[in-house]
Each structure stands twice: as structure tokens, then as C-alpha cells.
Amino acid sequence: MKEFIEQLVQAVVDMPEQVQVDEVPSEVATTYRVYVAPEDLGKAIGKQGRIANAMRVLAKASAMKEKKKVYLEVVAAPPA
């Protein structure tokens, strides 16, 4: 799932080499934090959040096969 989300985001942004995905598991669901370059934040989110919402829909649909819950967060700067 992590690789799928990473490829999805890399296809949208201008600087795909700076995309990082962190997986934060919990009892209820797994949260994926997507870090992009600050210049790419607008592209990763899209107008009115449409790109981010589309990525969330794809991630949730993919997770439904395994009967899991996932959340997707898009964050501006990669961790240092």
C-alpha cells in the first residue's frame, strides 16, 4: 500500500524524488503521511482538495480488498 500511494503522488508532483510516505499503524486504521516539497503542496492537494480526495478514494478502495481502514494526509515539508 505504501508503494502504491508513493507512486500515485509522484505522478502528480513536479519533484517526485522528494516524495516520502510514512506509515503510522494504529488499532483502528493505518495513517499514511505523504510529505512533498513545499512547492508541490498545491499540486498534491489540488483545487478545493480534489486531487487529495481522489488519492484518498483510491487508497481506501485498495484497502477495502484487505478489509482495512486507511487515512491519507498530505504534508508540506519532508521530515529532516
N, C-alpha and C. Protein backbone atom coordinates (compact mmCIF):
# COMPACT_ATOMS: atom_id res chain seq x y z
N MET A 1 0.83 -1.20 0.00
CA MET A 1 0.00 0.00 0.00
C MET A 1 0.87 1.26 0.00
N LYS A 2 1.93 1.24 0.79
CA LYS A 2 2.82 2.40 0.88
C LYS A 2 3.42 2.74 -0.49
N GLU A 3 3.85 1.72 -1.22
CA GLU A 3 4.44 1.93 -2.53
C GLU A 3 3.40 2.46 -3.52
N PHE A 4 2.18 1.95 -3.41
CA PHE A 4 1.09 2.40 -4.27
C PHE A 4 0.82 3.89 -4.09
N ILE A 5 0.74 4.33 -2.83
CA ILE A 5 0.49 5.74 -2.54
C ILE A 5 1.65 6.60 -3.02
N GLU A 6 2.87 6.10 -2.81
CA GLU A 6 4.05 6.85 -3.24
C GLU A 6 4.04 7.06 -4.76
N GLN A 7 3.73 6.03 -5.52
CA GLN A 7 3.67 6.15 -6.98
C GLN A 7 2.55 7.08 -7.41
N LEU A 8 1.45 7.03 -6.72
CA LEU A 8 0.31 7.89 -7.02
C LEU A 8 0.68 9.36 -6.88
N VAL A 9 1.34 9.69 -5.78
CA VAL A 9 1.71 11.08 -5.52
C VAL A 9 2.83 11.53 -6.47
N GLN A 10 3.79 10.66 -6.74
CA GLN A 10 4.88 11.01 -7.63
C GLN A 10 4.40 11.34 -9.03
N ALA A 11 3.30 10.75 -9.44
CA ALA A 11 2.75 11.02 -10.77
C ALA A 11 2.15 12.43 -10.86
N VAL A 12 1.82 13.02 -9.73
CA VAL A 12 1.13 14.32 -9.72
C VAL A 12 2.09 15.50 -9.55
N VAL A 13 3.17 15.32 -8.80
CA VAL A 13 4.03 16.45 -8.43
C VAL A 13 5.16 16.68 -9.45
N ASP A 14 5.80 17.86 -9.32
CA ASP A 14 6.93 18.22 -10.20
C ASP A 14 8.25 17.61 -9.73
N MET A 15 8.39 17.42 -8.42
CA MET A 15 9.62 16.88 -7.85
C MET A 15 9.34 15.53 -7.18
N PRO A 16 9.20 14.47 -7.98
CA PRO A 16 8.84 13.17 -7.42
C PRO A 16 9.92 12.57 -6.51
N GLU A 17 11.16 13.00 -6.67
CA GLU A 17 12.23 12.46 -5.83
C GLU A 17 12.12 12.92 -4.38
N GLN A 18 11.35 13.97 -4.11
CA GLN A 18 11.20 14.48 -2.74
C GLN A 18 9.96 13.94 -2.04
N VAL A 19 9.24 13.06 -2.68
CA VAL A 19 8.04 12.48 -2.07
C VAL A 19 8.45 11.40 -1.07
N GLN A 20 7.91 11.50 0.13
CA GLN A 20 8.14 10.50 1.17
C GLN A 20 6.80 10.10 1.77
N VAL A 21 6.65 8.83 2.07
CA VAL A 21 5.41 8.33 2.68
C VAL A 21 5.77 7.62 3.98
N ASP A 22 5.17 8.07 5.06
CA ASP A 22 5.34 7.42 6.37
C ASP A 22 4.07 6.67 6.71
N GLU A 23 4.23 5.47 7.23
CA GLU A 23 3.11 4.62 7.62
C GLU A 23 2.99 4.65 9.14
N VAL A 24 1.82 5.05 9.65
CA VAL A 24 1.59 5.13 11.08
C VAL A 24 0.44 4.19 11.43
N PRO A 25 0.76 2.95 11.83
CA PRO A 25 -0.32 2.00 12.15
C PRO A 25 -0.95 2.29 13.52
N SER A 26 -2.21 1.96 13.64
CA SER A 26 -2.91 2.05 14.92
C SER A 26 -3.89 0.88 14.99
N GLU A 27 -4.62 0.78 16.08
CA GLU A 27 -5.55 -0.33 16.26
C GLU A 27 -6.71 -0.26 15.26
N VAL A 28 -7.19 0.93 14.99
CA VAL A 28 -8.37 1.12 14.16
C VAL A 28 -8.02 1.19 12.67
N ALA A 29 -7.00 1.98 12.33
CA ALA A 29 -6.67 2.21 10.93
C ALA A 29 -5.19 2.54 10.78
N THR A 30 -4.73 2.55 9.55
CA THR A 30 -3.36 2.94 9.25
C THR A 30 -3.39 4.31 8.59
N THR A 31 -2.56 5.23 9.09
CA THR A 31 -2.48 6.56 8.52
C THR A 31 -1.21 6.67 7.70
N TYR A 32 -1.35 7.17 6.50
CA TYR A 32 -0.20 7.39 5.62
C TYR A 32 0.01 8.88 5.50
N ARG A 33 1.19 9.35 5.97
CA ARG A 33 1.54 10.76 5.85
C ARG A 33 2.41 10.93 4.61
N VAL A 34 1.96 11.75 3.70
CA VAL A 34 2.67 11.98 2.45
C VAL A 34 3.37 13.33 2.55
N TYR A 35 4.70 13.30 2.49
CA TYR A 35 5.49 14.53 2.54
C TYR A 35 5.91 14.90 1.12
N VAL A 36 5.62 16.14 0.73
CA VAL A 36 6.00 16.63 -0.59
C VAL A 36 6.78 17.94 -0.41
N ALA A 37 7.49 18.35 -1.46
CA ALA A 37 8.21 19.63 -1.43
C ALA A 37 7.18 20.75 -1.26
N PRO A 38 7.54 21.81 -0.54
CA PRO A 38 6.58 22.91 -0.33
C PRO A 38 6.03 23.48 -1.63
N GLU A 39 6.84 23.47 -2.68
CA GLU A 39 6.38 24.00 -3.97
C GLU A 39 5.31 23.09 -4.60
N ASP A 40 5.32 21.82 -4.23
CA ASP A 40 4.39 20.84 -4.81
C ASP A 40 3.13 20.64 -3.98
N LEU A 41 3.03 21.32 -2.87
CA LEU A 41 1.88 21.10 -1.98
C LEU A 41 0.57 21.40 -2.69
N GLY A 42 0.52 22.48 -3.44
CA GLY A 42 -0.70 22.84 -4.16
C GLY A 42 -1.08 21.80 -5.20
N LYS A 43 -0.09 21.23 -5.87
CA LYS A 43 -0.37 20.21 -6.88
C LYS A 43 -0.86 18.92 -6.22
N ALA A 44 -0.29 18.58 -5.07
CA ALA A 44 -0.68 17.34 -4.39
C ALA A 44 -2.08 17.44 -3.80
N ILE A 45 -2.49 18.66 -3.43
CA ILE A 45 -3.82 18.83 -2.85
C ILE A 45 -4.84 19.12 -3.95
N GLY A 46 -4.48 19.96 -4.90
CA GLY A 46 -5.40 20.30 -6.00
C GLY A 46 -6.40 21.35 -5.61
N LYS A 47 -7.12 21.86 -6.60
CA LYS A 47 -8.14 22.87 -6.34
C LYS A 47 -9.25 22.27 -5.49
N GLN A 48 -9.54 22.96 -4.41
CA GLN A 48 -10.56 22.54 -3.45
C GLN A 48 -10.33 21.13 -2.93
N GLY A 49 -9.07 20.68 -2.95
CA GLY A 49 -8.71 19.38 -2.39
C GLY A 49 -9.10 18.19 -3.25
N ARG A 50 -9.38 18.43 -4.52
CA ARG A 50 -9.88 17.35 -5.38
C ARG A 50 -8.84 16.27 -5.64
N ILE A 51 -7.58 16.65 -5.84
CA ILE A 51 -6.53 15.64 -6.09
C ILE A 51 -6.32 14.80 -4.84
N ALA A 52 -6.21 15.46 -3.68
CA ALA A 52 -6.02 14.73 -2.42
C ALA A 52 -7.20 13.80 -2.15
N ASN A 53 -8.40 14.27 -2.40
CA ASN A 53 -9.58 13.43 -2.18
C ASN A 53 -9.59 12.23 -3.13
N ALA A 54 -9.17 12.45 -4.37
CA ALA A 54 -9.11 11.35 -5.33
C ALA A 54 -8.09 10.30 -4.87
N MET A 55 -6.94 10.77 -4.36
CA MET A 55 -5.93 9.83 -3.85
C MET A 55 -6.46 9.06 -2.64
N ARG A 56 -7.22 9.74 -1.79
CA ARG A 56 -7.83 9.08 -0.63
C ARG A 56 -8.81 7.99 -1.08
N VAL A 57 -9.62 8.30 -2.08
CA VAL A 57 -10.60 7.33 -2.58
C VAL A 57 -9.88 6.10 -3.12
N LEU A 58 -8.82 6.30 -3.90
CA LEU A 58 -8.07 5.17 -4.45
C LEU A 58 -7.42 4.34 -3.35
N ALA A 59 -6.85 5.02 -2.34
CA ALA A 59 -6.21 4.30 -1.25
C ALA A 59 -7.24 3.50 -0.45
N LYS A 60 -8.38 4.10 -0.17
CA LYS A 60 -9.42 3.40 0.59
C LYS A 60 -9.99 2.23 -0.20
N ALA A 61 -10.17 2.41 -1.51
CA ALA A 61 -10.69 1.33 -2.33
C ALA A 61 -9.71 0.17 -2.38
N SER A 62 -8.43 0.48 -2.45
CA SER A 62 -7.40 -0.56 -2.46
C SER A 62 -7.35 -1.28 -1.12
N ALA A 63 -7.56 -0.56 -0.03
CA ALA A 63 -7.52 -1.16 1.30
C ALA A 63 -8.76 -2.00 1.58
N MET A 64 -9.86 -1.71 0.91
CA MET A 64 -11.10 -2.46 1.12
C MET A 64 -10.92 -3.94 0.76
N LYS A 65 -10.06 -4.23 -0.19
CA LYS A 65 -9.80 -5.61 -0.58
C LYS A 65 -9.29 -6.43 0.61
N GLU A 66 -8.50 -5.76 1.46
CA GLU A 66 -7.92 -6.43 2.63
C GLU A 66 -8.72 -6.16 3.89
N LYS A 67 -9.89 -5.52 3.74
CA LYS A 67 -10.76 -5.18 4.87
C LYS A 67 -10.02 -4.35 5.92
N LYS A 68 -9.32 -3.33 5.45
CA LYS A 68 -8.58 -2.43 6.34
C LYS A 68 -9.05 -1.00 6.13
N LYS A 69 -8.80 -0.16 7.12
CA LYS A 69 -9.11 1.26 7.02
C LYS A 69 -7.80 2.03 6.85
N VAL A 70 -7.81 3.00 5.97
CA VAL A 70 -6.63 3.83 5.79
C VAL A 70 -7.04 5.30 5.75
N TYR A 71 -6.10 6.14 6.18
CA TYR A 71 -6.25 7.58 6.09
C TYR A 71 -5.03 8.13 5.37
N LEU A 72 -5.21 9.22 4.65
CA LEU A 72 -4.13 9.82 3.88
C LEU A 72 -4.03 11.30 4.24
N GLU A 73 -2.84 11.73 4.65
CA GLU A 73 -2.58 13.13 4.98
C GLU A 73 -1.49 13.65 4.06
N VAL A 74 -1.67 14.81 3.49
CA VAL A 74 -0.64 15.43 2.66
C VAL A 74 -0.02 16.55 3.47
N VAL A 75 1.32 16.49 3.65
CA VAL A 75 2.05 17.43 4.49
C VAL A 75 3.09 18.15 3.64
N ALA A 76 3.34 19.43 3.95
CA ALA A 76 4.18 20.28 3.11
C ALA A 76 5.64 19.87 3.05
N ALA A 77 6.34 19.84 4.13
CA ALA A 77 7.79 19.64 4.07
C ALA A 77 8.18 18.26 4.54
N PRO A 78 9.16 17.64 3.88
CA PRO A 78 9.63 16.33 4.33
C PRO A 78 10.33 16.45 5.69
N PRO A 79 10.29 15.39 6.48
CA PRO A 79 10.95 15.44 7.79
C PRO A 79 12.46 15.55 7.63
N ALA A 80 13.08 16.27 8.54
CA ALA A 80 14.53 16.49 8.46
C ALA A 80 15.32 15.28 8.89
